[in-house]
Protein backbone atom coordinates (compact mmCIF):
# COMPACT_ATOMS: atom_id res chain seq x y z
CA LYS A 1 -4.21 -7.43 -5.54
CA GLN A 2 -7.76 -8.21 -6.62
CA GLN A 3 -8.91 -4.76 -5.54
CA ALA A 4 -6.25 -3.04 -7.66
CA LEU A 5 -7.20 -5.17 -10.67
CA GLY A 6 -10.84 -4.19 -10.22
CA TRP A 7 -9.94 -0.51 -10.17
CA GLN A 8 -7.82 -0.86 -13.29
CA GLN A 9 -10.63 -2.67 -15.09
CA SER A 10 -13.02 0.17 -14.22
CA GLY A 11 -10.60 2.76 -15.63
CA ILE A 12 -9.04 3.98 -12.38
CA LYS A 13 -5.28 4.32 -12.72
CA VAL A 14 -2.98 2.48 -10.33
CA LEU A 15 0.52 3.96 -10.21
CA ALA A 16 3.50 1.79 -11.15
CA HIS A 17 5.76 0.48 -8.40
CA THR A 18 8.54 2.56 -9.92
CA ASP A 19 6.56 5.80 -9.72
CA PRO A 20 8.25 8.17 -7.21
CA ARG A 21 4.96 8.60 -5.33
CA THR A 22 4.58 4.85 -4.90
CA MET A 23 8.19 4.53 -3.82
CA ARG A 24 7.70 7.27 -1.21
CA VAL A 25 4.56 5.63 0.19
CA ALA A 26 6.37 2.26 0.26
CA ARG A 27 9.25 3.78 2.28
CA ILE A 28 6.81 5.30 4.77
CA ALA A 29 4.88 2.02 5.03
CA SER A 30 8.12 0.14 5.65
CA GLN A 31 9.00 2.50 8.50
CA LEU A 32 5.55 2.08 10.04
CA ILE A 33 5.73 -1.72 9.75
CA LYS A 34 9.14 -1.74 11.44
CA ALA A 35 7.65 0.37 14.28
CA LEU A 36 4.88 -2.15 15.05
CA PRO A 37 6.79 -3.73 17.99
CA GLN A 38 7.19 -0.29 19.63
CA LEU A 39 3.51 0.43 19.03
CA GLN A 40 2.65 -2.81 20.77
CA LEU A 41 4.62 -1.74 23.86
CA ALA A 42 3.13 1.77 23.85
CA LEU A 43 -0.43 0.50 23.62
CA GLU A 44 0.19 -2.40 25.99
CA VAL A 45 -1.45 -4.81 23.59
CA GLU A 46 -0.15 -8.04 22.15
CA LEU A 47 0.13 -8.28 18.40
CA ALA A 48 0.29 -11.70 16.80
CA HIS A 49 4.01 -11.94 16.00
CA GLU A 50 3.60 -15.05 13.88
CA VAL A 51 1.21 -13.09 11.67
CA LEU A 52 3.25 -9.87 11.51
CA ASP A 53 6.53 -11.69 10.89
CA THR A 54 5.16 -13.71 7.99
CA MET A 55 2.89 -11.03 6.52
CA SER A 56 3.62 -10.19 2.90
CA TRP A 57 3.02 -6.44 2.78
CA SER A 58 2.35 -4.67 -0.52
CA VAL A 59 1.76 -1.02 -1.38
CA THR A 60 -0.51 0.21 -4.15
CA VAL A 61 -1.09 3.89 -4.91
CA VAL A 62 -4.36 4.69 -6.65
CA ASP A 63 -4.40 7.80 -8.84
CA ALA A 64 -7.67 9.29 -7.62
CA ASN A 65 -8.30 12.65 -5.98
CA VAL A 66 -9.75 11.03 -2.88
CA ALA A 67 -8.41 11.50 0.66
CA ASN A 68 -8.38 7.83 1.60
CA ALA A 69 -6.11 4.94 2.49
CA HIS A 70 -6.69 1.47 3.89
CA VAL A 71 -4.99 -1.80 4.73
CA LEU A 72 -6.57 -5.16 4.09
CA PRO A 73 -6.10 -8.05 6.54
CA ASN A 74 -3.82 -9.79 4.02
CA GLY A 75 -1.27 -6.93 4.17
CA GLU A 76 -2.29 -5.03 1.05
CA ILE A 77 -1.87 -1.27 1.64
CA TYR A 78 -3.83 1.13 -0.59
CA VAL A 79 -3.20 4.88 -0.61
CA PHE A 80 -4.99 7.36 -2.86
CA THR A 81 -3.13 10.30 -4.41
CA GLY A 82 -5.70 12.69 -2.93
CA LEU A 83 -3.93 12.38 0.41
């Protein structure tokens, strides 16, 4: 959450977890995370189950008119409202 704190300190708004847009992105992220085992089979690659099973995923929506999103290795998902 350090990245979100940095944005807030620089005046960039981060939407609340109760904001409908954040809730929608969180639902979509949850569906994608649940699909990771099927993705592994489709790509014929091995994902580290011990990492995926214990990963603490979080979703943050940044209120900026930028078409961007990214996931950090620690499971933090950032989506910008410009998408």
